[in-house]
């Protein structure tokens, strides 16, 4: 499952970060690294962008970028 498939309120743990070159490095620099818990906070009315809670802050991502992040669903206790 990818990050863009989470519904509002659902939590997951990042399994892997895809993408290539600068995009992948930018995602990793933003704290989106394997074994990190994330929670979907908001999805814009047209489905893009997405807002997630990660490492104590809110992060907004394009759905296209979120689709490159593999996650495993987990309990909603963030």
N, C-alpha and C. Protein backbone atom coordinates (compact mmCIF):
# COMPACT_ATOMS: atom_id res chain seq x y z
N UNK A 1 0.85 -1.17 0.00
CA UNK A 1 0.00 0.00 0.00
C UNK A 1 0.90 1.24 0.00
N UNK A 2 0.45 2.28 -0.63
CA UNK A 2 1.22 3.53 -0.67
C UNK A 2 0.57 4.60 0.19
N UNK A 3 1.34 5.59 0.58
CA UNK A 3 0.88 6.65 1.48
C UNK A 3 -0.35 7.38 0.95
N UNK A 4 -0.44 7.57 -0.34
CA UNK A 4 -1.58 8.30 -0.90
C UNK A 4 -2.90 7.54 -0.78
N UNK A 5 -2.86 6.25 -0.43
CA UNK A 5 -4.08 5.44 -0.31
C UNK A 5 -4.67 5.47 1.09
N UNK A 6 -3.96 6.06 2.08
CA UNK A 6 -4.50 6.15 3.43
C UNK A 6 -5.72 7.07 3.44
N UNK A 7 -6.65 6.76 4.31
CA UNK A 7 -7.82 7.62 4.51
C UNK A 7 -7.54 8.54 5.70
N UNK A 8 -8.27 9.63 5.79
CA UNK A 8 -8.10 10.58 6.88
C UNK A 8 -8.28 9.86 8.22
N UNK A 9 -7.33 10.07 9.12
CA UNK A 9 -7.37 9.45 10.43
C UNK A 9 -6.61 8.14 10.54
N UNK A 10 -6.25 7.54 9.42
CA UNK A 10 -5.52 6.27 9.44
C UNK A 10 -4.02 6.52 9.67
N UNK A 11 -3.40 5.56 10.36
CA UNK A 11 -1.96 5.62 10.61
C UNK A 11 -1.27 4.48 9.89
N UNK A 12 0.02 4.66 9.64
CA UNK A 12 0.82 3.64 8.97
C UNK A 12 2.28 3.82 9.34
N UNK A 13 3.07 2.80 9.04
CA UNK A 13 4.51 2.85 9.23
C UNK A 13 5.15 2.78 7.85
N UNK A 14 6.10 3.66 7.58
CA UNK A 14 6.77 3.69 6.28
C UNK A 14 7.64 2.44 6.13
N UNK A 15 7.47 1.73 5.02
CA UNK A 15 8.30 0.56 4.71
C UNK A 15 9.48 0.95 3.83
N UNK A 16 9.21 1.75 2.79
CA UNK A 16 10.28 2.17 1.88
C UNK A 16 9.90 3.48 1.20
N UNK A 17 10.93 4.20 0.79
CA UNK A 17 10.74 5.47 0.09
C UNK A 17 11.30 5.31 -1.32
N UNK A 18 10.42 5.46 -2.30
CA UNK A 18 10.83 5.33 -3.70
C UNK A 18 11.23 6.67 -4.29
N UNK A 19 11.13 6.75 -5.58
CA UNK A 19 11.55 7.96 -6.27
C UNK A 19 13.03 7.87 -6.58
N UNK A 20 13.50 8.84 -7.33
CA UNK A 20 14.90 8.82 -7.72
C UNK A 20 15.53 10.18 -7.49
N UNK A 21 16.83 10.16 -7.29
CA UNK A 21 17.61 11.39 -7.21
C UNK A 21 17.15 12.36 -6.16
N UNK A 22 16.99 13.61 -6.56
CA UNK A 22 16.66 14.69 -5.63
C UNK A 22 15.32 14.51 -4.94
N UNK A 23 14.33 13.94 -5.65
CA UNK A 23 13.02 13.73 -5.03
C UNK A 23 13.15 12.79 -3.83
N UNK A 24 13.84 11.67 -4.00
CA UNK A 24 13.99 10.71 -2.90
C UNK A 24 14.74 11.36 -1.74
N UNK A 25 15.80 12.08 -2.03
CA UNK A 25 16.56 12.75 -0.97
C UNK A 25 15.71 13.78 -0.24
N UNK A 26 14.89 14.51 -0.98
CA UNK A 26 14.02 15.52 -0.36
C UNK A 26 13.03 14.85 0.58
N UNK A 27 12.42 13.74 0.16
CA UNK A 27 11.47 13.02 1.01
C UNK A 27 12.16 12.52 2.28
N UNK A 28 13.35 11.97 2.14
CA UNK A 28 14.10 11.50 3.30
C UNK A 28 14.47 12.65 4.23
N UNK A 29 14.87 13.79 3.66
CA UNK A 29 15.22 14.96 4.46
C UNK A 29 14.04 15.50 5.25
N UNK A 30 12.83 15.30 4.73
CA UNK A 30 11.62 15.77 5.42
C UNK A 30 11.21 14.83 6.55
N UNK A 31 11.98 13.76 6.77
CA UNK A 31 11.69 12.85 7.87
C UNK A 31 10.92 11.61 7.47
N UNK A 32 10.70 11.43 6.19
CA UNK A 32 9.95 10.27 5.70
C UNK A 32 10.92 9.11 5.46
N UNK A 33 11.33 8.49 6.55
CA UNK A 33 12.29 7.39 6.45
C UNK A 33 11.64 6.10 6.94
N UNK A 34 12.15 4.95 6.50
CA UNK A 34 11.57 3.67 6.92
C UNK A 34 11.45 3.55 8.43
N UNK A 35 10.37 2.87 8.87
CA UNK A 35 10.02 2.62 10.26
C UNK A 35 9.52 3.86 10.99
N UNK A 36 9.16 4.91 10.24
CA UNK A 36 8.58 6.12 10.83
C UNK A 36 7.06 6.03 10.73
N UNK A 37 6.37 6.38 11.82
CA UNK A 37 4.91 6.37 11.82
C UNK A 37 4.38 7.67 11.23
N UNK A 38 3.33 7.56 10.45
CA UNK A 38 2.67 8.72 9.87
C UNK A 38 1.17 8.57 10.04
N UNK A 39 0.46 9.69 10.05
CA UNK A 39 -1.00 9.67 10.15
C UNK A 39 -1.57 10.66 9.13
N UNK A 40 -2.53 10.22 8.37
CA UNK A 40 -3.18 11.09 7.39
C UNK A 40 -4.07 12.08 8.13
N UNK A 41 -3.80 13.36 7.97
CA UNK A 41 -4.56 14.41 8.64
C UNK A 41 -5.68 14.96 7.76
N UNK A 42 -5.33 15.35 6.53
CA UNK A 42 -6.31 15.98 5.63
C UNK A 42 -6.01 15.60 4.19
N UNK A 43 -7.05 15.61 3.39
CA UNK A 43 -6.91 15.44 1.94
C UNK A 43 -7.69 16.58 1.30
N UNK A 44 -7.07 17.32 0.41
CA UNK A 44 -7.74 18.44 -0.24
C UNK A 44 -8.96 17.95 -1.02
N UNK A 45 -9.94 18.81 -1.24
CA UNK A 45 -11.17 18.40 -1.92
C UNK A 45 -10.96 17.70 -3.27
N UNK A 46 -9.97 18.09 -4.01
CA UNK A 46 -9.72 17.45 -5.31
C UNK A 46 -8.73 16.29 -5.20
N UNK A 47 -8.34 15.93 -3.94
CA UNK A 47 -7.45 14.80 -3.72
C UNK A 47 -5.97 15.13 -3.72
N UNK A 48 -5.61 16.37 -3.91
CA UNK A 48 -4.21 16.75 -3.95
C UNK A 48 -4.09 18.20 -3.50
N UNK A 49 -3.30 18.56 -2.54
CA UNK A 49 -2.29 17.78 -1.82
C UNK A 49 -2.87 17.04 -0.61
N UNK A 50 -1.98 16.32 0.09
CA UNK A 50 -2.32 15.56 1.29
C UNK A 50 -1.55 16.16 2.45
N UNK A 51 -2.15 16.14 3.64
CA UNK A 51 -1.44 16.60 4.83
C UNK A 51 -1.30 15.43 5.78
N UNK A 52 -0.05 15.16 6.20
CA UNK A 52 0.20 14.06 7.13
C UNK A 52 0.87 14.58 8.39
N UNK A 53 0.74 13.82 9.46
CA UNK A 53 1.43 14.11 10.71
C UNK A 53 2.61 13.15 10.79
N UNK A 54 3.81 13.69 10.89
CA UNK A 54 5.02 12.86 10.95
C UNK A 54 6.02 13.52 11.89
N UNK A 55 6.57 12.76 12.82
CA UNK A 55 7.61 13.24 13.72
C UNK A 55 7.23 14.54 14.45
N UNK A 56 5.98 14.69 14.83
CA UNK A 56 5.55 15.85 15.61
C UNK A 56 5.20 17.09 14.82
N UNK A 57 5.15 17.02 13.50
CA UNK A 57 4.75 18.18 12.71
C UNK A 57 3.85 17.77 11.56
N UNK A 58 3.21 18.75 10.97
CA UNK A 58 2.32 18.52 9.83
C UNK A 58 3.11 18.77 8.55
N UNK A 59 2.97 17.85 7.59
CA UNK A 59 3.70 17.93 6.33
C UNK A 59 2.71 17.80 5.19
N UNK A 60 2.79 18.67 4.22
CA UNK A 60 1.92 18.62 3.05
C UNK A 60 2.71 18.08 1.87
N UNK A 61 2.15 17.07 1.21
CA UNK A 61 2.79 16.43 0.06
C UNK A 61 1.85 16.37 -1.12
N UNK A 62 2.41 16.38 -2.31
CA UNK A 62 1.61 16.12 -3.49
C UNK A 62 1.26 14.64 -3.50
N UNK A 63 0.09 14.30 -4.00
CA UNK A 63 -0.33 12.90 -4.07
C UNK A 63 0.64 12.08 -4.92
N UNK A 64 1.18 12.68 -5.95
CA UNK A 64 2.14 12.01 -6.82
C UNK A 64 3.39 11.58 -6.04
N UNK A 65 3.85 12.43 -5.12
CA UNK A 65 5.02 12.09 -4.31
C UNK A 65 4.66 11.06 -3.24
N UNK A 66 3.48 11.19 -2.64
CA UNK A 66 3.04 10.25 -1.62
C UNK A 66 2.89 8.84 -2.20
N UNK A 67 2.59 8.74 -3.48
CA UNK A 67 2.42 7.44 -4.13
C UNK A 67 3.74 6.68 -4.25
N UNK A 68 4.85 7.34 -3.99
CA UNK A 68 6.17 6.70 -4.07
C UNK A 68 6.61 6.13 -2.73
N UNK A 69 5.78 6.31 -1.68
CA UNK A 69 6.13 5.87 -0.33
C UNK A 69 5.29 4.67 0.05
N UNK A 70 5.94 3.53 0.25
CA UNK A 70 5.26 2.29 0.65
C UNK A 70 5.06 2.31 2.16
N UNK A 71 3.83 1.96 2.60
CA UNK A 71 3.52 1.94 4.03
C UNK A 71 2.78 0.65 4.40
N UNK A 72 2.81 0.36 5.72
CA UNK A 72 2.03 -0.74 6.29
C UNK A 72 1.05 -0.12 7.27
N UNK A 73 -0.25 -0.38 7.14
CA UNK A 73 -1.22 0.17 8.06
C UNK A 73 -0.94 -0.29 9.49
N UNK A 74 -1.28 0.54 10.48
CA UNK A 74 -1.10 0.17 11.88
C UNK A 74 -2.20 0.83 12.71
N UNK A 75 -2.19 0.59 14.01
CA UNK A 75 -3.19 1.14 14.92
C UNK A 75 -3.13 2.67 14.93
N UNK A 76 -4.26 3.31 15.15
CA UNK A 76 -4.36 4.78 15.14
C UNK A 76 -4.09 5.37 16.52
N UNK A 77 -2.89 5.24 17.03
CA UNK A 77 -2.59 5.79 18.35
C UNK A 77 -1.52 6.87 18.32
N UNK A 78 -1.43 7.59 17.21
CA UNK A 78 -0.47 8.70 17.10
C UNK A 78 -1.01 9.91 17.82
